[in-house]
Amino acid sequence: MKWDEFKALVSGLSAETPLGKMVSIRSENDKDTIKRFTKEQKRIRNEWRSRSAQNMDKQTFEHAMIGFEKMFEAMAK
């Protein structure tokens, strides 16, 4: 199966399926929604984010660090 076909199939999954729930938890970025996550949902999301961070290439990491520096500079002003 080609990647585009797989993406099309996965994007059609309902959030009510186990895989759909997992994808929904892992991809959530709304702070208020995350605050209402259960302990298990937070664990799932944090494990996914940690794994994603470990697989980050050097250029992406450096770009993210520059973004953090700018964010902290703006907060300090």
C-alpha atoms as a PDB file:
ATOM      1  CA  MET A   1       0.000   0.000   0.000  1.00  0.00           C
ATOM      2  CA  LYS A   2       1.354   3.406  -0.932  1.00  0.00           C
ATOM      3  CA  TRP A   3       1.691   6.133   1.699  1.00  0.00           C
ATOM      4  CA  ASP A   4      -0.945   8.401   0.107  1.00  0.00           C
ATOM      5  CA  GLU A   5      -3.483   5.582   0.102  1.00  0.00           C
ATOM      6  CA  PHE A   6      -2.704   4.768   3.733  1.00  0.00           C
ATOM      7  CA  LYS A   7      -3.064   8.432   4.757  1.00  0.00           C
ATOM      8  CA  ALA A   8      -6.419   8.639   2.986  1.00  0.00           C
ATOM      9  CA  LEU A   9      -7.681   5.555   4.826  1.00  0.00           C
ATOM     10  CA  VAL A  10      -6.427   6.714   8.214  1.00  0.00           C
ATOM     11  CA  SER A  11      -7.825  10.229   7.788  1.00  0.00           C
ATOM     12  CA  GLY A  12     -11.275   8.706   7.357  1.00  0.00           C
ATOM     13  CA  LEU A  13     -11.181   6.930  10.716  1.00  0.00           C
ATOM     14  CA  SER A  14     -13.736   8.005  13.256  1.00  0.00           C
ATOM     15  CA  ALA A  15     -12.491   9.341  16.576  1.00  0.00           C
ATOM     16  CA  GLU A  16     -14.647   6.624  18.128  1.00  0.00           C
ATOM     17  CA  THR A  17     -12.336   3.821  16.960  1.00  0.00           C
ATOM     18  CA  PRO A  18      -9.361   2.850  19.146  1.00  0.00           C
ATOM     19  CA  LEU A  19      -6.875   4.059  16.523  1.00  0.00           C
ATOM     20  CA  GLY A  20      -8.870   7.244  15.975  1.00  0.00           C
ATOM     21  CA  LYS A  21      -8.831   7.970  19.720  1.00  0.00           C
ATOM     22  CA  MET A  22      -5.067   7.417  19.855  1.00  0.00           C
ATOM     23  CA  VAL A  23      -4.463   9.749  16.914  1.00  0.00           C
ATOM     24  CA  SER A  24      -6.742  12.352  18.475  1.00  0.00           C
ATOM     25  CA  ILE A  25      -4.868  12.246  21.800  1.00  0.00           C
ATOM     26  CA  ARG A  26      -1.448  12.373  20.150  1.00  0.00           C
ATOM     27  CA  SER A  27      -2.312  15.297  17.884  1.00  0.00           C
ATOM     28  CA  GLU A  28      -4.215  17.494  20.352  1.00  0.00           C
ATOM     29  CA  ASN A  29      -2.718  20.963  20.797  1.00  0.00           C
ATOM     30  CA  ASP A  30      -5.538  22.857  22.517  1.00  0.00           C
ATOM     31  CA  LYS A  31      -4.327  23.715  26.025  1.00  0.00           C
ATOM     32  CA  ASP A  32      -7.817  23.628  27.558  1.00  0.00           C
ATOM     33  CA  THR A  33      -8.537  20.213  26.075  1.00  0.00           C
ATOM     34  CA  ILE A  34      -5.188  18.873  27.287  1.00  0.00           C
ATOM     35  CA  LYS A  35      -5.934  20.151  30.803  1.00  0.00           C
ATOM     36  CA  ARG A  36      -9.054  17.958  30.798  1.00  0.00           C
ATOM     37  CA  PHE A  37      -7.168  14.842  29.666  1.00  0.00           C
ATOM     38  CA  THR A  38      -7.150  11.893  32.018  1.00  0.00           C
ATOM     39  CA  LYS A  39      -3.851  10.735  33.478  1.00  0.00           C
ATOM     40  CA  GLU A  40      -3.729   7.954  30.872  1.00  0.00           C
ATOM     41  CA  GLN A  41      -4.389  10.351  27.975  1.00  0.00           C
ATOM     42  CA  LYS A  42      -1.597  12.634  29.190  1.00  0.00           C
ATOM     43  CA  ARG A  43       0.748   9.650  29.407  1.00  0.00           C
ATOM     44  CA  ILE A  44      -0.090   8.616  25.832  1.00  0.00           C
ATOM     45  CA  ARG A  45       0.446  12.155  24.521  1.00  0.00           C
ATOM     46  CA  ASN A  46       3.691  12.684  26.448  1.00  0.00           C
ATOM     47  CA  GLU A  47       5.159   9.354  25.311  1.00  0.00           C
ATOM     48  CA  TRP A  48       4.360  10.210  21.691  1.00  0.00           C
ATOM     49  CA  ARG A  49       5.887  13.675  21.977  1.00  0.00           C
ATOM     50  CA  SER A  50       9.020  12.260  23.625  1.00  0.00           C
ATOM     51  CA  ARG A  51       9.420   9.678  20.871  1.00  0.00           C
ATOM     52  CA  SER A  52       8.918  12.342  18.212  1.00  0.00           C
ATOM     53  CA  ALA A  53      11.533  14.565  19.848  1.00  0.00           C
ATOM     54  CA  GLN A  54      14.074  11.723  19.889  1.00  0.00           C
ATOM     55  CA  ASN A  55      13.629  11.234  16.157  1.00  0.00           C
ATOM     56  CA  MET A  56      14.114  14.920  15.327  1.00  0.00           C
ATOM     57  CA  ASP A  57      16.961  15.712  12.959  1.00  0.00           C
ATOM     58  CA  LYS A  58      19.606  18.286  13.883  1.00  0.00           C
ATOM     59  CA  GLN A  59      18.289  21.018  11.564  1.00  0.00           C
ATOM     60  CA  THR A  60      14.735  20.725  12.923  1.00  0.00           C
ATOM     61  CA  PHE A  61      16.081  20.737  16.490  1.00  0.00           C
ATOM     62  CA  GLU A  62      18.127  23.871  15.872  1.00  0.00           C
ATOM     63  CA  HIS A  63      15.152  25.589  14.253  1.00  0.00           C
ATOM     64  CA  ALA A  64      12.994  24.716  17.280  1.00  0.00           C
ATOM     65  CA  MET A  65      15.648  26.033  19.674  1.00  0.00           C
ATOM     66  CA  ILE A  66      15.781  29.351  17.809  1.00  0.00           C
ATOM     67  CA  GLY A  67      12.005  29.557  18.156  1.00  0.00           C
ATOM     68  CA  PHE A  68      12.236  28.911  21.906  1.00  0.00           C
ATOM     69  CA  GLU A  69      14.934  31.567  22.287  1.00  0.00           C
ATOM     70  CA  LYS A  70      12.766  34.124  20.493  1.00  0.00           C
ATOM     71  CA  MET A  71       9.773  33.163  22.618  1.00  0.00           C
ATOM     72  CA  PHE A  72      11.719  33.590  25.873  1.00  0.00           C
ATOM     73  CA  GLU A  73      13.188  36.914  24.681  1.00  0.00           C
ATOM     74  CA  ALA A  74       9.680  38.182  23.930  1.00  0.00           C
ATOM     75  CA  MET A  75       8.470  37.058  27.347  1.00  0.00           C
ATOM     76  CA  ALA A  76      11.346  38.842  29.083  1.00  0.00           C
ATOM     77  CA  LYS A  77      10.535  42.191  27.470  1.00  0.00           C
END
